[in-house]
């Protein structure tokens, strides 16, 4: 579906999500981020069991997340699906684990290692506002790339999962707010992971 094929309600969701992502990741504006959300939102990063389940919890989660983003954090958009009340995005997240990232790796000190992991995020909406955000990734592959989990004979994809996804989709990695990313995509994925 091209952006021109969106219903007015779907376009409104995309606009809200773009505003949300810009405030969260571009401007690191906590109040601006929360202004795009319902009065009772929740966030769940399933793989790390982090997030918040009410407005105060979401505020605290975003406050900590905004202080714990590596400078080289990049998102490579792969695909998105837009429904009547949700947007699902698939991307590859890359970064150097140069800072504590309790939202992703609770309690683990920086390892200095580079990481690339496939990430799926589900955003739901109520009355035009963002109601929830759920993110999923392969925690075993993340820990293996950081040298914290030995692969041994275990079926852990590691970096190969992201590399295979990039190979199959022809995706390239761009900085989160690069001009090239904005030029290539007229969607939320030019603004957000």
N, C-alpha and C. Protein backbone atom coordinates (compact mmCIF):
# COMPACT_ATOMS: atom_id res chain seq x y z
N UNK A 1 0.84 -1.16 0.00
CA UNK A 1 0.00 0.00 0.00
C UNK A 1 0.89 1.23 0.00
N UNK A 2 0.73 2.09 -0.95
CA UNK A 2 1.47 3.34 -1.00
C UNK A 2 0.82 4.33 -0.05
N UNK A 3 1.59 5.33 0.40
CA UNK A 3 1.03 6.33 1.29
C UNK A 3 -0.19 7.02 0.68
N UNK A 4 -0.24 7.11 -0.63
CA UNK A 4 -1.38 7.75 -1.29
C UNK A 4 -2.63 6.90 -1.23
N UNK A 5 -2.51 5.62 -0.88
CA UNK A 5 -3.65 4.72 -0.78
C UNK A 5 -4.24 4.67 0.63
N UNK A 6 -3.72 5.45 1.54
CA UNK A 6 -4.19 5.41 2.92
C UNK A 6 -5.55 6.09 3.05
N UNK A 7 -6.37 5.53 3.94
CA UNK A 7 -7.62 6.20 4.28
C UNK A 7 -7.27 7.43 5.13
N UNK A 8 -8.19 8.36 5.29
CA UNK A 8 -7.90 9.50 6.17
C UNK A 8 -7.54 9.07 7.59
N UNK A 9 -8.21 8.04 8.11
CA UNK A 9 -7.89 7.56 9.47
C UNK A 9 -6.49 6.96 9.53
N UNK A 10 -6.11 6.21 8.50
CA UNK A 10 -4.76 5.64 8.47
C UNK A 10 -3.71 6.74 8.35
N UNK A 11 -3.98 7.74 7.52
CA UNK A 11 -3.04 8.85 7.38
C UNK A 11 -2.89 9.59 8.70
N UNK A 12 -4.00 9.74 9.42
CA UNK A 12 -3.94 10.40 10.73
C UNK A 12 -3.07 9.60 11.70
N UNK A 13 -3.19 8.26 11.67
CA UNK A 13 -2.33 7.42 12.53
C UNK A 13 -0.87 7.63 12.16
N UNK A 14 -0.57 7.63 10.86
CA UNK A 14 0.82 7.80 10.42
C UNK A 14 1.35 9.17 10.83
N UNK A 15 0.52 10.20 10.73
CA UNK A 15 0.94 11.54 11.13
C UNK A 15 1.23 11.59 12.64
N UNK A 16 0.34 10.98 13.43
CA UNK A 16 0.55 10.93 14.88
C UNK A 16 1.82 10.16 15.21
N UNK A 17 2.03 9.05 14.54
CA UNK A 17 3.22 8.24 14.80
C UNK A 17 4.49 8.99 14.40
N UNK A 18 4.45 9.72 13.31
CA UNK A 18 5.62 10.51 12.90
C UNK A 18 5.93 11.59 13.93
N UNK A 19 4.88 12.25 14.42
CA UNK A 19 5.06 13.27 15.45
C UNK A 19 5.63 12.65 16.73
N UNK A 20 5.10 11.49 17.09
CA UNK A 20 5.56 10.77 18.28
C UNK A 20 7.05 10.39 18.15
N UNK A 21 7.40 9.81 17.02
CA UNK A 21 8.78 9.36 16.82
C UNK A 21 9.76 10.52 16.80
N UNK A 22 9.37 11.61 16.16
CA UNK A 22 10.24 12.79 16.11
C UNK A 22 10.48 13.32 17.53
N UNK A 23 9.40 13.42 18.31
CA UNK A 23 9.54 13.91 19.68
C UNK A 23 10.40 12.96 20.52
N UNK A 24 10.15 11.66 20.39
CA UNK A 24 10.86 10.67 21.20
C UNK A 24 12.32 10.54 20.82
N UNK A 25 12.58 10.28 19.55
CA UNK A 25 13.94 9.93 19.13
C UNK A 25 14.72 11.09 18.52
N UNK A 26 14.03 12.01 17.87
CA UNK A 26 14.72 13.13 17.25
C UNK A 26 14.99 14.25 18.23
N UNK A 27 13.91 14.73 18.86
CA UNK A 27 14.03 15.87 19.78
C UNK A 27 14.29 15.44 21.22
N UNK A 28 14.00 14.18 21.53
CA UNK A 28 14.07 13.66 22.90
C UNK A 28 13.26 14.57 23.84
N UNK A 29 12.04 14.85 23.39
CA UNK A 29 11.11 15.73 24.08
C UNK A 29 10.06 14.88 24.77
N UNK A 30 10.20 14.72 26.07
CA UNK A 30 9.31 13.84 26.83
C UNK A 30 7.86 14.30 26.76
N UNK A 31 7.60 15.58 27.01
CA UNK A 31 6.22 16.07 26.97
C UNK A 31 5.65 15.99 25.56
N UNK A 32 6.46 16.28 24.55
CA UNK A 32 6.00 16.15 23.16
C UNK A 32 5.66 14.72 22.81
N UNK A 33 6.45 13.78 23.30
CA UNK A 33 6.17 12.36 23.07
C UNK A 33 4.85 11.97 23.70
N UNK A 34 4.65 12.34 24.96
CA UNK A 34 3.43 11.97 25.67
C UNK A 34 2.20 12.67 25.12
N UNK A 35 2.37 13.83 24.48
CA UNK A 35 1.22 14.55 23.93
C UNK A 35 0.56 13.80 22.77
N UNK A 36 1.24 12.82 22.22
CA UNK A 36 0.68 12.03 21.11
C UNK A 36 -0.05 10.78 21.60
N UNK A 37 -0.08 10.59 22.92
CA UNK A 37 -0.59 9.34 23.49
C UNK A 37 -1.90 9.54 24.25
N UNK A 38 -2.64 8.44 24.41
CA UNK A 38 -3.87 8.47 25.19
C UNK A 38 -3.56 8.74 26.66
N UNK A 39 -4.60 8.91 27.46
CA UNK A 39 -4.41 9.17 28.89
C UNK A 39 -3.97 7.93 29.65
N UNK A 40 -4.14 6.75 29.07
CA UNK A 40 -3.77 5.52 29.75
C UNK A 40 -3.01 4.58 28.80
N UNK A 41 -1.84 5.02 28.31
CA UNK A 41 -1.10 4.19 27.35
C UNK A 41 -0.30 3.11 28.07
N UNK A 42 0.22 2.20 27.28
CA UNK A 42 1.21 1.26 27.82
C UNK A 42 2.26 0.97 26.77
N UNK A 43 3.43 0.61 27.27
CA UNK A 43 4.55 0.19 26.43
C UNK A 43 5.04 -1.12 27.00
N UNK A 44 5.29 -2.09 26.12
CA UNK A 44 5.89 -3.35 26.55
C UNK A 44 6.95 -3.75 25.55
N UNK A 45 8.19 -3.79 25.99
CA UNK A 45 9.26 -4.36 25.20
C UNK A 45 9.35 -5.81 25.68
N UNK A 46 8.71 -6.68 24.94
CA UNK A 46 8.47 -8.05 25.38
C UNK A 46 9.76 -8.78 25.71
N UNK A 47 10.77 -8.64 24.89
CA UNK A 47 12.00 -9.41 25.05
C UNK A 47 12.80 -9.02 26.29
N UNK A 48 12.66 -7.79 26.76
CA UNK A 48 13.38 -7.35 27.96
C UNK A 48 12.45 -7.14 29.15
N UNK A 49 11.15 -7.32 28.93
CA UNK A 49 10.13 -7.09 29.97
C UNK A 49 10.25 -5.71 30.57
N UNK A 50 10.46 -4.70 29.73
CA UNK A 50 10.52 -3.32 30.18
C UNK A 50 9.37 -2.56 29.55
N UNK A 51 9.08 -1.40 30.09
CA UNK A 51 7.99 -0.56 29.58
C UNK A 51 7.29 0.14 30.71
N UNK A 52 6.02 0.48 30.48
CA UNK A 52 5.20 1.13 31.48
C UNK A 52 3.75 0.82 31.19
N UNK A 53 2.94 0.67 32.25
CA UNK A 53 1.56 0.26 32.02
C UNK A 53 0.53 1.30 32.43
N UNK A 54 0.93 2.53 32.60
CA UNK A 54 0.02 3.65 32.77
C UNK A 54 0.80 4.91 32.39
N UNK A 55 0.15 6.05 32.42
CA UNK A 55 0.81 7.27 31.94
C UNK A 55 2.08 7.57 32.74
N UNK A 56 2.03 7.42 34.05
CA UNK A 56 3.22 7.68 34.87
C UNK A 56 4.34 6.69 34.55
N UNK A 57 3.98 5.42 34.37
CA UNK A 57 4.98 4.41 34.02
C UNK A 57 5.58 4.63 32.64
N UNK A 58 4.74 5.05 31.69
CA UNK A 58 5.23 5.34 30.34
C UNK A 58 6.15 6.56 30.37
N UNK A 59 5.77 7.58 31.14
CA UNK A 59 6.62 8.77 31.27
C UNK A 59 8.00 8.38 31.80
N UNK A 60 8.03 7.58 32.85
CA UNK A 60 9.30 7.16 33.44
C UNK A 60 10.11 6.32 32.46
N UNK A 61 9.44 5.42 31.74
CA UNK A 61 10.13 4.59 30.76
C UNK A 61 10.79 5.46 29.68
N UNK A 62 10.02 6.39 29.10
CA UNK A 62 10.59 7.26 28.05
C UNK A 62 11.70 8.14 28.60
N UNK A 63 11.55 8.64 29.83
CA UNK A 63 12.60 9.47 30.41
C UNK A 63 13.92 8.71 30.47
N UNK A 64 13.86 7.46 30.93
CA UNK A 64 15.07 6.64 31.01
C UNK A 64 15.58 6.28 29.62
N UNK A 65 14.69 5.91 28.70
CA UNK A 65 15.10 5.54 27.35
C UNK A 65 15.82 6.70 26.66
N UNK A 66 15.25 7.91 26.77
CA UNK A 66 15.84 9.06 26.09
C UNK A 66 17.24 9.37 26.59
N UNK A 67 17.53 9.00 27.83
CA UNK A 67 18.88 9.21 28.39
C UNK A 67 19.83 8.07 28.06
N UNK A 68 19.33 7.00 27.43
CA UNK A 68 20.15 5.81 27.21
C UNK A 68 20.18 5.38 25.74
N UNK A 69 20.22 6.33 24.83
CA UNK A 69 20.30 6.00 23.40
C UNK A 69 21.72 6.20 22.91
N UNK A 70 22.36 5.17 22.36
CA UNK A 70 23.70 5.34 21.80
C UNK A 70 23.69 6.35 20.65
N UNK A 71 24.78 7.08 20.50
CA UNK A 71 24.87 8.09 19.45
C UNK A 71 24.75 7.50 18.05
N UNK A 72 25.17 6.25 17.88
CA UNK A 72 25.15 5.65 16.53
C UNK A 72 23.92 4.77 16.29
N UNK A 73 22.88 4.89 17.13
CA UNK A 73 21.66 4.10 16.95
C UNK A 73 21.05 4.38 15.58
N UNK A 74 20.80 3.31 14.83
CA UNK A 74 20.22 3.45 13.49
C UNK A 74 19.11 2.43 13.32
N UNK A 75 18.12 2.80 12.54
CA UNK A 75 17.01 1.91 12.21
C UNK A 75 16.91 1.80 10.70
N UNK A 76 16.80 0.59 10.24
CA UNK A 76 16.66 0.35 8.81
C UNK A 76 15.26 -0.19 8.56
N UNK A 77 14.39 0.60 7.95
CA UNK A 77 13.03 0.12 7.70
C UNK A 77 13.01 -1.02 6.70
N UNK A 78 12.22 -2.02 7.00
CA UNK A 78 12.05 -3.17 6.11
C UNK A 78 10.64 -3.17 5.54
N UNK A 79 9.63 -3.11 6.40
CA UNK A 79 8.24 -3.16 5.94
C UNK A 79 7.34 -2.58 7.02
N UNK A 80 6.13 -2.22 6.60
CA UNK A 80 5.13 -1.78 7.56
C UNK A 80 3.76 -2.22 7.06
N UNK A 81 2.87 -2.45 7.99
CA UNK A 81 1.50 -2.81 7.69
C UNK A 81 0.61 -1.86 8.47
N UNK A 82 -0.37 -1.29 7.79
CA UNK A 82 -1.26 -0.32 8.42
C UNK A 82 -2.67 -0.88 8.40
N UNK A 83 -3.26 -1.01 9.58
CA UNK A 83 -4.63 -1.49 9.70
C UNK A 83 -5.57 -0.37 10.07
N UNK A 84 -6.72 -0.72 10.61
CA UNK A 84 -7.70 0.29 10.98
C UNK A 84 -7.38 0.96 12.32
N UNK A 85 -6.64 0.25 13.18
CA UNK A 85 -6.31 0.82 14.49
C UNK A 85 -4.89 0.50 14.94
N UNK A 86 -4.03 0.10 13.99
CA UNK A 86 -2.65 -0.23 14.36
C UNK A 86 -1.71 -0.10 13.17
N UNK A 87 -0.44 0.08 13.50
CA UNK A 87 0.65 0.09 12.53
C UNK A 87 1.69 -0.90 13.04
N UNK A 88 2.13 -1.80 12.16
CA UNK A 88 3.17 -2.76 12.50
C UNK A 88 4.37 -2.46 11.62
N UNK A 89 5.51 -2.28 12.25
CA UNK A 89 6.73 -1.99 11.51
C UNK A 89 7.80 -3.03 11.77
N UNK A 90 8.54 -3.34 10.72
CA UNK A 90 9.66 -4.27 10.80
C UNK A 90 10.91 -3.51 10.38
N UNK A 91 11.98 -3.63 11.16
CA UNK A 91 13.21 -2.92 10.85
C UNK A 91 14.41 -3.69 11.39
N UNK A 92 15.60 -3.19 11.07
CA UNK A 92 16.83 -3.69 11.67
C UNK A 92 17.40 -2.57 12.53
N UNK A 93 17.63 -2.86 13.79
CA UNK A 93 18.18 -1.92 14.74
C UNK A 93 19.68 -2.18 14.85
N UNK A 94 20.50 -1.14 14.64
CA UNK A 94 21.94 -1.28 14.81
C UNK A 94 22.43 -0.21 15.78
N UNK A 95 23.45 -0.56 16.54
CA UNK A 95 24.04 0.38 17.48
C UNK A 95 25.32 -0.24 18.05
N UNK A 96 26.11 0.61 18.67
CA UNK A 96 27.23 0.15 19.48
C UNK A 96 26.78 0.23 20.93
N UNK A 97 26.97 -0.84 21.67
CA UNK A 97 26.54 -0.88 23.07
C UNK A 97 27.53 -0.07 23.91
N UNK A 98 27.46 1.26 23.74
CA UNK A 98 28.41 2.17 24.36
C UNK A 98 27.88 2.83 25.63
N UNK A 99 26.60 2.65 25.91
CA UNK A 99 25.97 3.21 27.10
C UNK A 99 25.08 2.15 27.73
N UNK A 100 24.73 2.33 29.00
CA UNK A 100 23.74 1.45 29.61
C UNK A 100 22.43 1.63 28.86
N UNK A 101 21.75 0.52 28.60
CA UNK A 101 20.48 0.55 27.86
C UNK A 101 19.48 -0.34 28.60
N UNK A 102 19.03 0.13 29.75
CA UNK A 102 18.18 -0.70 30.60
C UNK A 102 16.85 -1.04 29.93
N UNK A 103 16.41 -0.26 28.98
CA UNK A 103 15.18 -0.54 28.25
C UNK A 103 15.34 -1.76 27.33
N UNK A 104 16.56 -2.07 26.94
CA UNK A 104 16.86 -3.18 26.03
C UNK A 104 17.61 -4.30 26.75
N UNK A 105 18.53 -3.91 27.60
CA UNK A 105 19.42 -4.85 28.30
C UNK A 105 19.48 -4.48 29.78
N UNK A 106 18.41 -4.74 30.52
CA UNK A 106 18.34 -4.31 31.92
C UNK A 106 19.52 -4.81 32.75
N UNK A 107 20.18 -3.86 33.42
CA UNK A 107 21.24 -4.21 34.35
C UNK A 107 22.57 -4.58 33.74
N UNK A 108 22.70 -4.54 32.43
CA UNK A 108 23.96 -4.95 31.79
C UNK A 108 24.80 -3.71 31.47
N UNK A 109 26.06 -3.69 31.91
CA UNK A 109 26.93 -2.56 31.59
C UNK A 109 27.31 -2.58 30.11
N UNK A 110 27.71 -1.43 29.56
CA UNK A 110 28.11 -1.37 28.15
C UNK A 110 29.24 -2.35 27.84
N UNK A 111 29.15 -3.00 26.69
CA UNK A 111 30.19 -3.94 26.26
C UNK A 111 31.08 -3.35 25.18
N UNK A 112 30.65 -2.25 24.55
CA UNK A 112 31.40 -1.66 23.45
C UNK A 112 31.24 -2.39 22.13
N UNK A 113 30.41 -3.40 22.09
CA UNK A 113 30.24 -4.20 20.86
C UNK A 113 29.15 -3.63 19.96
N UNK A 114 29.33 -3.86 18.66
CA UNK A 114 28.33 -3.47 17.67
C UNK A 114 27.27 -4.56 17.56
N UNK A 115 26.03 -4.13 17.32
CA UNK A 115 24.89 -5.04 17.29
C UNK A 115 24.01 -4.71 16.09
N UNK A 116 23.40 -5.74 15.51
CA UNK A 116 22.35 -5.58 14.49
C UNK A 116 21.29 -6.64 14.76
N UNK A 117 20.07 -6.19 15.07
CA UNK A 117 18.99 -7.14 15.35
C UNK A 117 17.72 -6.75 14.62
N UNK A 118 17.01 -7.72 14.06
CA UNK A 118 15.68 -7.45 13.53
C UNK A 118 14.74 -7.08 14.69
N UNK A 119 13.84 -6.15 14.41
CA UNK A 119 12.93 -5.63 15.42
C UNK A 119 11.55 -5.47 14.80
N UNK A 120 10.52 -5.88 15.51
CA UNK A 120 9.13 -5.67 15.09
C UNK A 120 8.44 -4.86 16.17
N UNK A 121 7.75 -3.80 15.76
CA UNK A 121 7.04 -2.94 16.70
C UNK A 121 5.58 -2.83 16.27
N UNK A 122 4.67 -3.01 17.22
CA UNK A 122 3.24 -2.89 16.98
C UNK A 122 2.74 -1.66 17.75
N UNK A 123 2.18 -0.70 17.03
CA UNK A 123 1.61 0.50 17.62
C UNK A 123 0.09 0.41 17.49
N UNK A 124 -0.65 0.62 18.58
CA UNK A 124 -2.11 0.65 18.50
C UNK A 124 -2.60 2.06 18.81
N UNK A 125 -3.78 2.37 18.28
CA UNK A 125 -4.35 3.71 18.39
C UNK A 125 -5.77 3.65 18.92
N UNK A 126 -6.15 4.68 19.67
CA UNK A 126 -7.52 4.89 20.12
C UNK A 126 -7.85 6.36 19.90
N UNK A 127 -8.94 6.62 19.18
CA UNK A 127 -9.38 8.00 18.93
C UNK A 127 -8.25 8.88 18.40
N UNK A 128 -7.45 8.33 17.50
CA UNK A 128 -6.39 9.08 16.86
C UNK A 128 -5.12 9.26 17.67
N UNK A 129 -5.08 8.71 18.87
CA UNK A 129 -3.91 8.85 19.73
C UNK A 129 -3.24 7.49 19.91
N UNK A 130 -1.95 7.52 20.13
CA UNK A 130 -1.19 6.29 20.35
C UNK A 130 -1.57 5.69 21.70
N UNK A 131 -2.04 4.44 21.69
CA UNK A 131 -2.50 3.78 22.92
C UNK A 131 -1.47 2.79 23.46
N UNK A 132 -0.72 2.15 22.57
CA UNK A 132 0.27 1.18 23.04
C UNK A 132 1.37 1.00 22.02
N UNK A 133 2.48 0.51 22.54
CA UNK A 133 3.64 0.17 21.72
C UNK A 133 4.21 -1.13 22.28
N UNK A 134 4.28 -2.14 21.41
CA UNK A 134 4.86 -3.43 21.81
C UNK A 134 5.99 -3.75 20.84
N UNK A 135 7.16 -4.07 21.39
CA UNK A 135 8.33 -4.35 20.56
C UNK A 135 8.83 -5.76 20.85
N UNK A 136 9.27 -6.43 19.78
CA UNK A 136 9.75 -7.81 19.85
C UNK A 136 11.09 -7.92 19.12
N UNK A 137 12.03 -8.64 19.69
CA UNK A 137 13.29 -8.96 19.05
C UNK A 137 13.81 -10.25 19.64
N UNK A 138 14.85 -10.80 19.04
CA UNK A 138 15.45 -12.05 19.49
C UNK A 138 16.52 -11.73 20.53
N UNK A 139 16.17 -11.87 21.80
CA UNK A 139 17.08 -11.51 22.88
C UNK A 139 18.31 -12.41 22.90
N UNK A 140 18.17 -13.68 22.54
CA UNK A 140 19.33 -14.58 22.51
C UNK A 140 20.35 -14.10 21.48
N UNK A 141 19.88 -13.69 20.30
CA UNK A 141 20.80 -13.18 19.27
C UNK A 141 21.48 -11.90 19.74
N UNK A 142 20.75 -11.04 20.43
CA UNK A 142 21.33 -9.82 20.96
C UNK A 142 22.41 -10.15 21.98
N UNK A 143 22.11 -11.02 22.92
CA UNK A 143 23.10 -11.39 23.95
C UNK A 143 24.31 -12.09 23.35
N UNK A 144 24.10 -12.89 22.32
CA UNK A 144 25.21 -13.58 21.65
C UNK A 144 26.13 -12.56 20.98
N UNK A 145 25.56 -11.56 20.34
CA UNK A 145 26.39 -10.53 19.68
C UNK A 145 27.18 -9.71 20.69
N UNK A 146 26.67 -9.59 21.90
CA UNK A 146 27.36 -8.84 22.94
C UNK A 146 28.39 -9.69 23.68
N UNK A 147 28.50 -10.97 23.31
CA UNK A 147 29.46 -11.86 23.96
C UNK A 147 28.99 -12.34 25.32
N UNK A 148 27.69 -12.24 25.58
CA UNK A 148 27.15 -12.62 26.89
C UNK A 148 26.46 -13.98 26.88
N UNK A 149 26.35 -14.59 25.71
CA UNK A 149 25.71 -15.90 25.59
C UNK A 149 26.45 -16.67 24.50
N UNK A 150 26.95 -17.82 24.86
CA UNK A 150 27.63 -18.67 23.88
C UNK A 150 26.61 -19.39 23.03
N UNK A 151 26.86 -19.41 21.74
CA UNK A 151 25.95 -20.09 20.83
C UNK A 151 25.99 -21.59 21.04
N UNK A 152 27.19 -22.16 21.12
CA UNK A 152 27.30 -23.61 21.27
C UNK A 152 26.47 -24.30 20.21
N UNK A 153 25.70 -25.28 20.58
CA UNK A 153 24.83 -25.98 19.63
C UNK A 153 23.42 -25.41 19.60
N UNK A 154 23.22 -24.26 20.24
CA UNK A 154 21.88 -23.68 20.32
C UNK A 154 21.49 -23.00 19.01
N UNK A 155 20.21 -23.01 18.67
CA UNK A 155 19.75 -22.36 17.43
C UNK A 155 19.58 -20.85 17.64
N UNK A 156 20.70 -20.15 17.75
CA UNK A 156 20.72 -18.70 17.95
C UNK A 156 21.22 -18.06 16.66
N UNK A 157 20.45 -17.17 16.09
CA UNK A 157 20.81 -16.56 14.81
C UNK A 157 21.99 -15.61 14.92
N UNK A 158 22.09 -14.88 16.02
CA UNK A 158 23.16 -13.90 16.14
C UNK A 158 23.05 -12.83 15.07
N UNK A 159 24.17 -12.32 14.61
CA UNK A 159 24.20 -11.28 13.58
C UNK A 159 23.65 -11.79 12.25
N UNK A 160 23.70 -13.09 12.03
CA UNK A 160 23.27 -13.65 10.75
C UNK A 160 21.80 -13.39 10.46
N UNK A 161 20.96 -13.28 11.49
CA UNK A 161 19.55 -12.99 11.27
C UNK A 161 19.36 -11.63 10.61
N UNK A 162 20.03 -10.61 11.12
CA UNK A 162 19.94 -9.28 10.53
C UNK A 162 20.57 -9.25 9.15
N UNK A 163 21.72 -9.92 8.99
CA UNK A 163 22.38 -9.94 7.68
C UNK A 163 21.51 -10.61 6.63
N UNK A 164 20.86 -11.72 6.97
CA UNK A 164 20.00 -12.41 6.01
C UNK A 164 18.79 -11.55 5.65
N UNK A 165 18.19 -10.90 6.63
CA UNK A 165 17.06 -10.01 6.36
C UNK A 165 17.48 -8.87 5.45
N UNK A 166 18.65 -8.29 5.71
CA UNK A 166 19.17 -7.21 4.87
C UNK A 166 19.42 -7.72 3.45
N UNK A 167 19.99 -8.92 3.33
CA UNK A 167 20.28 -9.51 2.02
C UNK A 167 18.99 -9.74 1.23
N UNK A 168 17.98 -10.31 1.86
CA UNK A 168 16.74 -10.65 1.17
C UNK A 168 15.92 -9.42 0.78
N UNK A 169 16.03 -8.35 1.55
CA UNK A 169 15.23 -7.16 1.28
C UNK A 169 16.01 -6.06 0.56
N UNK A 170 17.32 -6.22 0.45
CA UNK A 170 18.13 -5.19 -0.19
C UNK A 170 18.20 -3.92 0.64
N UNK A 171 17.93 -4.03 1.91
CA UNK A 171 17.87 -2.86 2.79
C UNK A 171 19.26 -2.31 3.06
N UNK A 172 19.30 -1.00 3.25
CA UNK A 172 20.53 -0.32 3.62
C UNK A 172 20.31 0.33 4.99
N UNK A 173 21.39 0.57 5.70
CA UNK A 173 21.31 1.17 7.03
C UNK A 173 21.63 2.66 6.90
N UNK A 174 20.74 3.48 7.43
CA UNK A 174 20.93 4.93 7.44
C UNK A 174 20.79 5.44 8.86
N UNK A 175 21.48 6.54 9.18
CA UNK A 175 21.28 7.14 10.50
C UNK A 175 19.80 7.48 10.68
N UNK A 176 19.36 7.48 11.92
CA UNK A 176 17.94 7.65 12.23
C UNK A 176 17.35 8.90 11.61
N UNK A 177 18.07 10.00 11.58
CA UNK A 177 17.51 11.25 11.09
C UNK A 177 18.24 11.77 9.85
N UNK A 178 18.81 10.88 9.05
CA UNK A 178 19.57 11.33 7.89
C UNK A 178 18.65 11.87 6.80
N UNK A 179 19.18 12.78 5.99
CA UNK A 179 18.41 13.30 4.85
C UNK A 179 18.08 12.18 3.88
N UNK A 180 19.00 11.24 3.69
CA UNK A 180 18.77 10.14 2.77
C UNK A 180 17.57 9.31 3.21
N UNK A 181 17.45 9.04 4.51
CA UNK A 181 16.32 8.27 5.00
C UNK A 181 15.02 9.02 4.74
N UNK A 182 14.99 10.31 5.03
CA UNK A 182 13.77 11.09 4.80
C UNK A 182 13.44 11.13 3.31
N UNK A 183 14.46 11.22 2.47
CA UNK A 183 14.23 11.26 1.03
C UNK A 183 13.70 9.94 0.51
N UNK A 184 14.25 8.83 1.00
CA UNK A 184 13.87 7.52 0.49
C UNK A 184 12.48 7.09 0.92
N UNK A 185 11.99 7.57 2.02
CA UNK A 185 10.73 7.07 2.55
C UNK A 185 9.84 8.24 2.94
N UNK A 186 8.59 8.16 2.55
CA UNK A 186 7.63 9.18 2.97
C UNK A 186 6.70 8.58 4.00
N UNK A 187 7.25 7.77 4.88
CA UNK A 187 6.44 7.07 5.86
C UNK A 187 7.00 7.30 7.25
N UNK A 188 6.36 6.71 8.22
CA UNK A 188 6.84 6.78 9.59
C UNK A 188 8.24 6.24 9.70
N UNK A 189 8.62 5.31 8.85
CA UNK A 189 9.93 4.70 8.99
C UNK A 189 11.05 5.64 8.60
N UNK A 190 10.72 6.82 8.08
CA UNK A 190 11.76 7.83 7.90
C UNK A 190 11.96 8.59 9.21
N UNK A 191 11.07 8.39 10.17
CA UNK A 191 11.15 9.09 11.43
C UNK A 191 11.43 8.17 12.61
N UNK A 192 11.17 6.89 12.46
CA UNK A 192 11.24 5.99 13.61
C UNK A 192 11.78 4.64 13.19
N UNK A 193 12.27 4.06 14.27
CA UNK A 193 12.72 2.71 14.10
C UNK A 193 11.64 1.97 13.47
